[in-house]
Protein backbone atom coordinates (compact mmCIF):
# COMPACT_ATOMS: atom_id res chain seq x y z
CA UNK A 1 0.00 0.00 0.00
CA UNK A 2 1.36 3.44 -0.97
CA UNK A 3 2.29 5.84 1.81
CA UNK A 4 -0.15 8.63 2.56
CA UNK A 5 1.01 11.86 0.94
CA UNK A 6 1.60 14.62 3.51
CA UNK A 7 0.09 18.02 2.74
CA UNK A 8 1.95 21.29 3.22
CA UNK A 9 -0.17 21.86 6.33
CA UNK A 10 1.04 18.50 7.70
CA UNK A 11 4.66 19.30 6.90
CA UNK A 12 4.32 22.58 8.80
CA UNK A 13 2.62 20.91 11.76
CA UNK A 14 -0.63 22.76 11.13
CA UNK A 15 -2.82 19.81 10.11
CA UNK A 16 -5.60 18.94 12.57
CA UNK A 17 -7.42 16.17 10.69
CA UNK A 18 -7.27 12.55 11.88
CA UNK A 19 -4.13 10.47 11.38
CA UNK A 20 -5.24 7.24 9.68
CA UNK A 21 -4.34 3.98 11.31
CA UNK A 22 -1.74 2.07 9.26
CA UNK A 23 -2.60 -1.46 8.19
CA UNK A 24 -0.81 -4.22 10.03
CA UNK A 25 0.71 -6.44 7.32
CA UNK A 26 -1.05 -9.76 6.94
CA UNK A 27 -3.70 -8.97 9.54
CA UNK A 28 -7.29 -7.67 9.37
CA UNK A 29 -8.08 -4.16 10.74
CA UNK A 30 -7.66 -4.03 14.53
CA UNK A 31 -9.84 -2.35 17.16
CA UNK A 32 -8.24 0.42 19.25
CA UNK A 33 -5.74 -0.87 21.79
CA UNK A 34 -5.65 -4.39 20.42
CA UNK A 35 -2.54 -6.42 19.72
CA UNK A 36 -1.09 -6.56 16.24
CA UNK A 37 1.54 -3.90 15.67
CA UNK A 38 4.02 -3.62 18.57
CA UNK A 39 2.87 0.01 19.11
CA UNK A 40 0.05 2.22 17.94
CA UNK A 41 2.21 5.38 17.72
CA UNK A 42 5.97 5.82 17.73
CA UNK A 43 6.59 9.52 18.33
CA UNK A 44 9.99 10.80 17.20
CA UNK A 45 11.90 13.92 18.07
CA UNK A 46 13.67 15.39 15.05
CA UNK A 47 17.04 17.08 15.62
CA UNK A 48 19.46 14.75 17.38
CA UNK A 49 17.16 11.76 17.03
CA UNK A 50 16.26 11.45 13.35
CA UNK A 51 18.80 13.86 11.88
CA UNK A 52 22.10 15.39 12.93
CA UNK A 53 21.66 18.17 15.51
CA UNK A 54 23.31 21.38 14.33
CA UNK A 55 23.76 24.72 16.13
CA UNK A 56 20.77 26.98 15.55
CA UNK A 57 18.01 25.79 13.23
CA UNK A 58 18.02 23.63 10.12
CA UNK A 59 16.79 26.29 7.70
CA UNK A 60 18.50 25.03 4.54
CA UNK A 61 17.52 21.60 3.20
CA UNK A 62 21.18 21.08 2.27
CA UNK A 63 22.00 21.04 5.98
CA UNK A 64 19.56 18.21 6.76
CA UNK A 65 21.55 15.03 7.35
CA UNK A 66 19.85 11.88 8.58
CA UNK A 67 21.65 9.98 11.31
CA UNK A 68 23.07 6.58 10.29
CA UNK A 69 20.36 3.95 10.31
CA UNK A 70 17.56 6.42 11.08
CA UNK A 71 15.63 5.96 7.85
CA UNK A 72 15.92 2.19 8.15
CA UNK A 73 14.56 2.39 11.71
CA UNK A 74 11.52 4.36 10.52
CA UNK A 75 10.99 1.90 7.67
CA UNK A 76 11.07 -1.00 10.14
CA UNK A 77 8.41 0.69 12.27
CA UNK A 78 6.31 1.26 9.14
CA UNK A 79 6.57 -2.41 8.17
CA UNK A 80 5.52 -3.46 11.67
CA UNK A 81 2.28 -1.48 11.30
CA UNK A 82 3.17 1.34 13.72
CA UNK A 83 2.21 4.91 12.92
CA UNK A 84 5.29 7.15 13.09
CA UNK A 85 4.72 10.79 14.05
CA UNK A 86 7.37 13.50 14.16
CA UNK A 87 7.13 15.74 17.26
CA UNK A 88 9.42 18.78 17.12
CA UNK A 89 9.97 22.18 18.73
CA UNK A 90 10.81 24.86 16.15
CA UNK A 91 11.13 28.03 18.21
CA UNK A 92 12.94 29.73 15.33
CA UNK A 93 9.57 30.33 13.71
CA UNK A 94 8.65 32.60 16.64
CA UNK A 95 11.97 34.42 16.76
CA UNK A 96 12.30 34.93 13.01
CA UNK A 97 15.29 32.63 12.66
CA UNK A 98 13.21 30.14 10.65
CA UNK A 99 10.47 30.93 8.13
CA UNK A 100 7.47 28.83 7.17
CA UNK A 101 8.94 28.45 3.69
CA UNK A 102 12.25 27.22 5.11
CA UNK A 103 10.59 24.69 7.43
CA UNK A 104 8.41 23.46 4.58
CA UNK A 105 11.44 22.98 2.33
CA UNK A 106 13.35 21.15 5.09
CA UNK A 107 10.45 18.81 5.81
CA UNK A 108 9.91 18.11 2.12
CA UNK A 109 13.57 17.10 1.96
CA UNK A 110 13.18 14.98 5.09
CA UNK A 111 10.27 13.10 3.54
CA UNK A 112 12.25 12.57 0.34
CA UNK A 113 15.31 11.29 2.20
CA UNK A 114 13.20 8.86 4.21
CA UNK A 115 11.40 7.67 1.09
CA UNK A 116 14.69 6.63 -0.50
CA UNK A 117 14.86 3.85 2.08
CA UNK A 118 11.17 2.99 2.00
CA UNK A 119 10.33 5.01 5.14
CA UNK A 120 7.49 7.42 5.73
CA UNK A 121 5.96 9.59 8.43
CA UNK A 122 2.26 9.36 9.24
CA UNK A 123 2.06 12.80 10.80
CA UNK A 124 4.05 15.81 11.97
CA UNK A 125 3.44 17.93 15.08
CA UNK A 126 5.36 21.22 15.33
CA UNK A 127 5.53 23.78 18.13
CA UNK A 128 6.37 27.13 16.47
CA UNK A 129 6.10 29.14 19.69
CA UNK A 130 8.57 30.95 21.93
CA UNK A 131 9.44 29.66 25.39
CA UNK A 132 6.73 30.05 28.02
CA UNK A 133 3.98 31.07 25.59
CA UNK A 134 2.16 27.79 24.93
CA UNK A 135 1.27 24.34 26.23
CA UNK A 136 2.71 22.44 23.27
CA UNK A 137 6.43 23.19 23.49
CA UNK A 138 8.35 20.27 24.94
CA UNK A 139 8.86 19.58 27.88
CA UNK A 140 5.13 20.25 28.02
CA UNK A 141 2.97 17.52 26.57
CA UNK A 142 0.75 19.38 24.11
CA UNK A 143 2.38 18.11 20.94
CA UNK A 144 1.97 14.51 22.05
CA UNK A 145 -1.57 15.08 23.27
CA UNK A 146 -2.47 16.55 19.88
CA UNK A 147 -1.00 13.52 18.12
CA UNK A 148 -3.10 11.28 20.38
CA UNK A 149 -6.20 13.37 19.67
CA UNK A 150 -5.64 13.08 15.92
CA UNK A 151 -4.99 9.34 16.20
CA UNK A 152 -8.12 8.61 18.20
CA UNK A 153 -7.62 4.89 17.65
CA UNK A 154 -4.30 4.93 19.55
CA UNK A 155 -4.12 3.80 23.18
CA UNK A 156 -1.64 5.89 25.24
CA UNK A 157 -0.18 2.78 26.85
CA UNK A 158 0.64 1.52 23.34
CA UNK A 159 2.54 4.67 22.36
CA UNK A 160 6.16 5.62 22.94
CA UNK A 161 8.18 8.80 22.52
CA UNK A 162 11.80 8.53 21.34
CA UNK A 163 14.10 11.52 21.75
CA UNK A 164 17.57 12.71 22.67
CA UNK A 165 16.71 15.45 25.19
CA UNK A 166 15.33 15.41 28.75
CA UNK A 167 12.52 17.62 27.43
CA UNK A 168 11.38 14.76 25.15
CA UNK A 169 11.15 12.37 28.08
CA UNK A 170 9.39 14.97 30.23
CA UNK A 171 6.83 15.67 27.53
CA UNK A 172 6.06 11.97 27.26
CA UNK A 173 5.57 11.67 31.02
CA UNK A 174 3.26 14.69 31.02
CA UNK A 175 1.20 13.25 28.16
CA UNK A 176 1.02 9.79 29.74
CA UNK A 177 3.06 7.79 27.25
CA UNK A 178 6.28 5.81 27.62
CA UNK A 179 9.61 7.20 26.46
CA UNK A 180 13.03 6.04 25.38
CA UNK A 181 16.18 8.11 25.06
CA UNK A 182 18.79 7.94 22.31
CA UNK A 183 21.43 10.01 24.09
CA UNK A 184 23.32 7.14 25.76
CA UNK A 185 26.30 5.19 24.50
CA UNK A 186 25.22 3.13 21.53
CA UNK A 187 21.58 4.20 21.88
CA UNK A 188 20.89 5.18 18.27
CA UNK A 189 17.41 5.42 16.80
CA UNK A 190 18.17 2.20 14.93
CA UNK A 191 19.01 0.30 18.11
CA UNK A 192 16.12 1.74 20.13
CA UNK A 193 13.50 1.08 17.46
CA UNK A 194 14.87 -2.41 16.93
CA UNK A 195 14.51 -3.18 20.63
CA UNK A 196 11.04 -1.62 20.83
CA UNK A 197 9.74 -3.62 17.89
CA UNK A 198 11.14 -6.81 19.39
CA UNK A 199 9.82 -6.35 22.91
CA UNK A 200 6.50 -4.59 22.21
CA UNK A 201 4.51 -2.12 24.27
CA UNK A 202 3.84 -4.46 27.18
CA UNK A 203 7.54 -4.53 28.04
CA UNK A 204 8.22 -0.78 28.08
C-alpha atoms as a PDB file:
ATOM      1  CA  UNK A   1       0.000   0.000   0.000  1.00  0.00           C
ATOM      2  CA  UNK A   2       1.363   3.440  -0.969  1.00  0.00           C
ATOM      3  CA  UNK A   3       2.290   5.837   1.807  1.00  0.00           C
ATOM      4  CA  UNK A   4      -0.152   8.629   2.565  1.00  0.00           C
ATOM      5  CA  UNK A   5       1.012  11.858   0.943  1.00  0.00           C
ATOM      6  CA  UNK A   6       1.597  14.615   3.505  1.00  0.00           C
ATOM      7  CA  UNK A   7       0.095  18.016   2.745  1.00  0.00           C
ATOM      8  CA  UNK A   8       1.953  21.288   3.217  1.00  0.00           C
ATOM      9  CA  UNK A   9      -0.174  21.857   6.331  1.00  0.00           C
ATOM     10  CA  UNK A  10       1.040  18.504   7.701  1.00  0.00           C
ATOM     11  CA  UNK A  11       4.660  19.303   6.898  1.00  0.00           C
ATOM     12  CA  UNK A  12       4.317  22.582   8.795  1.00  0.00           C
ATOM     13  CA  UNK A  13       2.624  20.913  11.760  1.00  0.00           C
ATOM     14  CA  UNK A  14      -0.627  22.763  11.126  1.00  0.00           C
ATOM     15  CA  UNK A  15      -2.815  19.811  10.106  1.00  0.00           C
ATOM     16  CA  UNK A  16      -5.602  18.940  12.570  1.00  0.00           C
ATOM     17  CA  UNK A  17      -7.422  16.175  10.694  1.00  0.00           C
ATOM     18  CA  UNK A  18      -7.265  12.549  11.883  1.00  0.00           C
ATOM     19  CA  UNK A  19      -4.128  10.474  11.385  1.00  0.00           C
ATOM     20  CA  UNK A  20      -5.241   7.236   9.683  1.00  0.00           C
ATOM     21  CA  UNK A  21      -4.337   3.977  11.307  1.00  0.00           C
ATOM     22  CA  UNK A  22      -1.739   2.067   9.260  1.00  0.00           C
ATOM     23  CA  UNK A  23      -2.597  -1.456   8.189  1.00  0.00           C
ATOM     24  CA  UNK A  24      -0.808  -4.222  10.027  1.00  0.00           C
ATOM     25  CA  UNK A  25       0.710  -6.439   7.324  1.00  0.00           C
ATOM     26  CA  UNK A  26      -1.047  -9.759   6.942  1.00  0.00           C
ATOM     27  CA  UNK A  27      -3.699  -8.975   9.540  1.00  0.00           C
ATOM     28  CA  UNK A  28      -7.287  -7.665   9.367  1.00  0.00           C
ATOM     29  CA  UNK A  29      -8.076  -4.163  10.745  1.00  0.00           C
ATOM     30  CA  UNK A  30      -7.658  -4.034  14.535  1.00  0.00           C
ATOM     31  CA  UNK A  31      -9.838  -2.345  17.158  1.00  0.00           C
ATOM     32  CA  UNK A  32      -8.235   0.420  19.246  1.00  0.00           C
ATOM     33  CA  UNK A  33      -5.742  -0.869  21.791  1.00  0.00           C
ATOM     34  CA  UNK A  34      -5.652  -4.391  20.420  1.00  0.00           C
ATOM     35  CA  UNK A  35      -2.542  -6.418  19.719  1.00  0.00           C
ATOM     36  CA  UNK A  36      -1.093  -6.563  16.235  1.00  0.00           C
ATOM     37  CA  UNK A  37       1.542  -3.900  15.670  1.00  0.00           C
ATOM     38  CA  UNK A  38       4.020  -3.617  18.567  1.00  0.00           C
ATOM     39  CA  UNK A  39       2.875   0.009  19.110  1.00  0.00           C
ATOM     40  CA  UNK A  40       0.055   2.221  17.943  1.00  0.00           C
ATOM     41  CA  UNK A  41       2.212   5.375  17.720  1.00  0.00           C
ATOM     42  CA  UNK A  42       5.969   5.817  17.732  1.00  0.00           C
ATOM     43  CA  UNK A  43       6.595   9.519  18.330  1.00  0.00           C
ATOM     44  CA  UNK A  44       9.988  10.799  17.197  1.00  0.00           C
ATOM     45  CA  UNK A  45      11.895  13.923  18.069  1.00  0.00           C
ATOM     46  CA  UNK A  46      13.667  15.387  15.046  1.00  0.00           C
ATOM     47  CA  UNK A  47      17.037  17.078  15.624  1.00  0.00           C
ATOM     48  CA  UNK A  48      19.464  14.750  17.379  1.00  0.00           C
ATOM     49  CA  UNK A  49      17.156  11.759  17.030  1.00  0.00           C
ATOM     50  CA  UNK A  50      16.256  11.450  13.349  1.00  0.00           C
ATOM     51  CA  UNK A  51      18.796  13.861  11.876  1.00  0.00           C
ATOM     52  CA  UNK A  52      22.102  15.392  12.929  1.00  0.00           C
ATOM     53  CA  UNK A  53      21.664  18.166  15.508  1.00  0.00           C
ATOM     54  CA  UNK A  54      23.313  21.379  14.328  1.00  0.00           C
ATOM     55  CA  UNK A  55      23.761  24.717  16.127  1.00  0.00           C
ATOM     56  CA  UNK A  56      20.767  26.985  15.549  1.00  0.00           C
ATOM     57  CA  UNK A  57      18.009  25.792  13.226  1.00  0.00           C
ATOM     58  CA  UNK A  58      18.021  23.634  10.121  1.00  0.00           C
ATOM     59  CA  UNK A  59      16.787  26.291   7.705  1.00  0.00           C
ATOM     60  CA  UNK A  60      18.503  25.031   4.538  1.00  0.00           C
ATOM     61  CA  UNK A  61      17.524  21.600   3.195  1.00  0.00           C
ATOM     62  CA  UNK A  62      21.184  21.083   2.266  1.00  0.00           C
ATOM     63  CA  UNK A  63      22.002  21.037   5.982  1.00  0.00           C
ATOM     64  CA  UNK A  64      19.563  18.214   6.760  1.00  0.00           C
ATOM     65  CA  UNK A  65      21.553  15.026   7.355  1.00  0.00           C
ATOM     66  CA  UNK A  66      19.848  11.878   8.578  1.00  0.00           C
ATOM     67  CA  UNK A  67      21.653   9.979  11.306  1.00  0.00           C
ATOM     68  CA  UNK A  68      23.068   6.582  10.286  1.00  0.00           C
ATOM     69  CA  UNK A  69      20.356   3.947  10.307  1.00  0.00           C
ATOM     70  CA  UNK A  70      17.560   6.417  11.083  1.00  0.00           C
ATOM     71  CA  UNK A  71      15.628   5.956   7.847  1.00  0.00           C
ATOM     72  CA  UNK A  72      15.920   2.190   8.154  1.00  0.00           C
ATOM     73  CA  UNK A  73      14.561   2.391  11.708  1.00  0.00           C
ATOM     74  CA  UNK A  74      11.517   4.356  10.523  1.00  0.00           C
ATOM     75  CA  UNK A  75      10.988   1.899   7.675  1.00  0.00           C
ATOM     76  CA  UNK A  76      11.068  -1.005  10.139  1.00  0.00           C
ATOM     77  CA  UNK A  77       8.407   0.689  12.269  1.00  0.00           C
ATOM     78  CA  UNK A  78       6.314   1.261   9.137  1.00  0.00           C
ATOM     79  CA  UNK A  79       6.573  -2.410   8.169  1.00  0.00           C
ATOM     80  CA  UNK A  80       5.520  -3.459  11.667  1.00  0.00           C
ATOM     81  CA  UNK A  81       2.281  -1.483  11.303  1.00  0.00           C
ATOM     82  CA  UNK A  82       3.169   1.337  13.725  1.00  0.00           C
ATOM     83  CA  UNK A  83       2.211   4.914  12.919  1.00  0.00           C
ATOM     84  CA  UNK A  84       5.288   7.154  13.091  1.00  0.00           C
ATOM     85  CA  UNK A  85       4.720  10.787  14.046  1.00  0.00           C
ATOM     86  CA  UNK A  86       7.370  13.499  14.164  1.00  0.00           C
ATOM     87  CA  UNK A  87       7.128  15.744  17.260  1.00  0.00           C
ATOM     88  CA  UNK A  88       9.421  18.777  17.115  1.00  0.00           C
ATOM     89  CA  UNK A  89       9.966  22.178  18.730  1.00  0.00           C
ATOM     90  CA  UNK A  90      10.813  24.857  16.151  1.00  0.00           C
ATOM     91  CA  UNK A  91      11.134  28.034  18.209  1.00  0.00           C
ATOM     92  CA  UNK A  92      12.939  29.733  15.328  1.00  0.00           C
ATOM     93  CA  UNK A  93       9.567  30.327  13.712  1.00  0.00           C
ATOM     94  CA  UNK A  94       8.647  32.596  16.639  1.00  0.00           C
ATOM     95  CA  UNK A  95      11.973  34.416  16.757  1.00  0.00           C
ATOM     96  CA  UNK A  96      12.299  34.931  13.006  1.00  0.00           C
ATOM     97  CA  UNK A  97      15.288  32.630  12.664  1.00  0.00           C
ATOM     98  CA  UNK A  98      13.209  30.136  10.651  1.00  0.00           C
ATOM     99  CA  UNK A  99      10.469  30.929   8.132  1.00  0.00           C
ATOM    100  CA  UNK A 100       7.465  28.832   7.169  1.00  0.00           C
ATOM    101  CA  UNK A 101       8.941  28.447   3.686  1.00  0.00           C
ATOM    102  CA  UNK A 102      12.248  27.217   5.108  1.00  0.00           C
ATOM    103  CA  UNK A 103      10.594  24.689   7.427  1.00  0.00           C
ATOM    104  CA  UNK A 104       8.412  23.460   4.576  1.00  0.00           C
ATOM    105  CA  UNK A 105      11.445  22.978   2.334  1.00  0.00           C
ATOM    106  CA  UNK A 106      13.348  21.154   5.088  1.00  0.00           C
ATOM    107  CA  UNK A 107      10.451  18.811   5.809  1.00  0.00           C
ATOM    108  CA  UNK A 108       9.914  18.112   2.119  1.00  0.00           C
ATOM    109  CA  UNK A 109      13.567  17.098   1.957  1.00  0.00           C
ATOM    110  CA  UNK A 110      13.184  14.984   5.094  1.00  0.00           C
ATOM    111  CA  UNK A 111      10.269  13.095   3.541  1.00  0.00           C
ATOM    112  CA  UNK A 112      12.249  12.567   0.336  1.00  0.00           C
ATOM    113  CA  UNK A 113      15.312  11.287   2.201  1.00  0.00           C
ATOM    114  CA  UNK A 114      13.201   8.861   4.212  1.00  0.00           C
ATOM    115  CA  UNK A 115      11.395   7.666   1.085  1.00  0.00           C
ATOM    116  CA  UNK A 116      14.691   6.626  -0.504  1.00  0.00           C
ATOM    117  CA  UNK A 117      14.861   3.850   2.082  1.00  0.00           C
ATOM    118  CA  UNK A 118      11.171   2.993   1.995  1.00  0.00           C
ATOM    119  CA  UNK A 119      10.329   5.006   5.135  1.00  0.00           C
ATOM    120  CA  UNK A 120       7.488   7.420   5.728  1.00  0.00           C
ATOM    121  CA  UNK A 121       5.964   9.594   8.430  1.00  0.00           C
ATOM    122  CA  UNK A 122       2.263   9.356   9.241  1.00  0.00           C
ATOM    123  CA  UNK A 123       2.061  12.801  10.799  1.00  0.00           C
ATOM    124  CA  UNK A 124       4.050  15.812  11.971  1.00  0.00           C
ATOM    125  CA  UNK A 125       3.436  17.933  15.077  1.00  0.00           C
ATOM    126  CA  UNK A 126       5.363  21.220  15.333  1.00  0.00           C
ATOM    127  CA  UNK A 127       5.533  23.780  18.129  1.00  0.00           C
ATOM    128  CA  UNK A 128       6.366  27.129  16.466  1.00  0.00           C
ATOM    129  CA  UNK A 129       6.101  29.145  19.695  1.00  0.00           C
ATOM    130  CA  UNK A 130       8.569  30.951  21.933  1.00  0.00           C
ATOM    131  CA  UNK A 131       9.438  29.662  25.392  1.00  0.00           C
ATOM    132  CA  UNK A 132       6.728  30.048  28.016  1.00  0.00           C
ATOM    133  CA  UNK A 133       3.983  31.065  25.589  1.00  0.00           C
ATOM    134  CA  UNK A 134       2.156  27.788  24.933  1.00  0.00           C
ATOM    135  CA  UNK A 135       1.274  24.342  26.233  1.00  0.00           C
ATOM    136  CA  UNK A 136       2.705  22.437  23.273  1.00  0.00           C
ATOM    137  CA  UNK A 137       6.431  23.193  23.490  1.00  0.00           C
ATOM    138  CA  UNK A 138       8.350  20.272  24.941  1.00  0.00           C
ATOM    139  CA  UNK A 139       8.864  19.583  27.880  1.00  0.00           C
ATOM    140  CA  UNK A 140       5.127  20.247  28.024  1.00  0.00           C
ATOM    141  CA  UNK A 141       2.969  17.520  26.571  1.00  0.00           C
ATOM    142  CA  UNK A 142       0.750  19.384  24.114  1.00  0.00           C
ATOM    143  CA  UNK A 143       2.377  18.105  20.939  1.00  0.00           C
ATOM    144  CA  UNK A 144       1.973  14.506  22.054  1.00  0.00           C
ATOM    145  CA  UNK A 145      -1.573  15.082  23.270  1.00  0.00           C
ATOM    146  CA  UNK A 146      -2.470  16.555  19.875  1.00  0.00           C
ATOM    147  CA  UNK A 147      -0.998  13.517  18.118  1.00  0.00           C
ATOM    148  CA  UNK A 148      -3.099  11.279  20.377  1.00  0.00           C
ATOM    149  CA  UNK A 149      -6.203  13.368  19.668  1.00  0.00           C
ATOM    150  CA  UNK A 150      -5.645  13.084  15.924  1.00  0.00           C
ATOM    151  CA  UNK A 151      -4.985   9.341  16.196  1.00  0.00           C
ATOM    152  CA  UNK A 152      -8.116   8.612  18.195  1.00  0.00           C
ATOM    153  CA  UNK A 153      -7.616   4.890  17.650  1.00  0.00           C
ATOM    154  CA  UNK A 154      -4.296   4.926  19.551  1.00  0.00           C
ATOM    155  CA  UNK A 155      -4.121   3.804  23.184  1.00  0.00           C
ATOM    156  CA  UNK A 156      -1.635   5.890  25.239  1.00  0.00           C
ATOM    157  CA  UNK A 157      -0.178   2.776  26.848  1.00  0.00           C
ATOM    158  CA  UNK A 158       0.636   1.516  23.337  1.00  0.00           C
ATOM    159  CA  UNK A 159       2.537   4.672  22.360  1.00  0.00           C
ATOM    160  CA  UNK A 160       6.165   5.624  22.945  1.00  0.00           C
ATOM    161  CA  UNK A 161       8.185   8.802  22.524  1.00  0.00           C
ATOM    162  CA  UNK A 162      11.804   8.527  21.342  1.00  0.00           C
ATOM    163  CA  UNK A 163      14.099  11.519  21.752  1.00  0.00           C
ATOM    164  CA  UNK A 164      17.572  12.708  22.674  1.00  0.00           C
ATOM    165  CA  UNK A 165      16.714  15.450  25.187  1.00  0.00           C
ATOM    166  CA  UNK A 166      15.326  15.411  28.749  1.00  0.00           C
ATOM    167  CA  UNK A 167      12.522  17.616  27.434  1.00  0.00           C
ATOM    168  CA  UNK A 168      11.384  14.764  25.146  1.00  0.00           C
ATOM    169  CA  UNK A 169      11.152  12.366  28.078  1.00  0.00           C
ATOM    170  CA  UNK A 170       9.394  14.968  30.231  1.00  0.00           C
ATOM    171  CA  UNK A 171       6.825  15.673  27.527  1.00  0.00           C
ATOM    172  CA  UNK A 172       6.056  11.970  27.260  1.00  0.00           C
ATOM    173  CA  UNK A 173       5.567  11.673  31.025  1.00  0.00           C
ATOM    174  CA  UNK A 174       3.255  14.690  31.018  1.00  0.00           C
ATOM    175  CA  UNK A 175       1.195  13.246  28.155  1.00  0.00           C
ATOM    176  CA  UNK A 176       1.019   9.795  29.740  1.00  0.00           C
ATOM    177  CA  UNK A 177       3.060   7.793  27.255  1.00  0.00           C
ATOM    178  CA  UNK A 178       6.279   5.805  27.617  1.00  0.00           C
ATOM    179  CA  UNK A 179       9.612   7.202  26.464  1.00  0.00           C
ATOM    180  CA  UNK A 180      13.033   6.039  25.383  1.00  0.00           C
ATOM    181  CA  UNK A 181      16.182   8.114  25.060  1.00  0.00           C
ATOM    182  CA  UNK A 182      18.786   7.942  22.310  1.00  0.00           C
ATOM    183  CA  UNK A 183      21.435  10.014  24.090  1.00  0.00           C
ATOM    184  CA  UNK A 184      23.319   7.141  25.761  1.00  0.00           C
ATOM    185  CA  UNK A 185      26.304   5.189  24.504  1.00  0.00           C
ATOM    186  CA  UNK A 186      25.225   3.127  21.533  1.00  0.00           C
ATOM    187  CA  UNK A 187      21.576   4.199  21.877  1.00  0.00           C
ATOM    188  CA  UNK A 188      20.890   5.182  18.268  1.00  0.00           C
ATOM    189  CA  UNK A 189      17.408   5.417  16.800  1.00  0.00           C
ATOM    190  CA  UNK A 190      18.166   2.199  14.929  1.00  0.00           C
ATOM    191  CA  UNK A 191      19.006   0.302  18.113  1.00  0.00           C
ATOM    192  CA  UNK A 192      16.121   1.739  20.128  1.00  0.00           C
ATOM    193  CA  UNK A 193      13.500   1.085  17.455  1.00  0.00           C
ATOM    194  CA  UNK A 194      14.867  -2.408  16.934  1.00  0.00           C
ATOM    195  CA  UNK A 195      14.505  -3.178  20.628  1.00  0.00           C
ATOM    196  CA  UNK A 196      11.044  -1.620  20.828  1.00  0.00           C
ATOM    197  CA  UNK A 197       9.736  -3.624  17.889  1.00  0.00           C
ATOM    198  CA  UNK A 198      11.137  -6.807  19.386  1.00  0.00           C
ATOM    199  CA  UNK A 199       9.818  -6.350  22.909  1.00  0.00           C
ATOM    200  CA  UNK A 200       6.502  -4.589  22.206  1.00  0.00           C
ATOM    201  CA  UNK A 201       4.505  -2.120  24.273  1.00  0.00           C
ATOM    202  CA  UNK A 202       3.842  -4.456  27.179  1.00  0.00           C
ATOM    203  CA  UNK A 203       7.542  -4.527  28.044  1.00  0.00           C
ATOM    204  CA  UNK A 204       8.218  -0.778  28.083  1.00  0.00           C
END
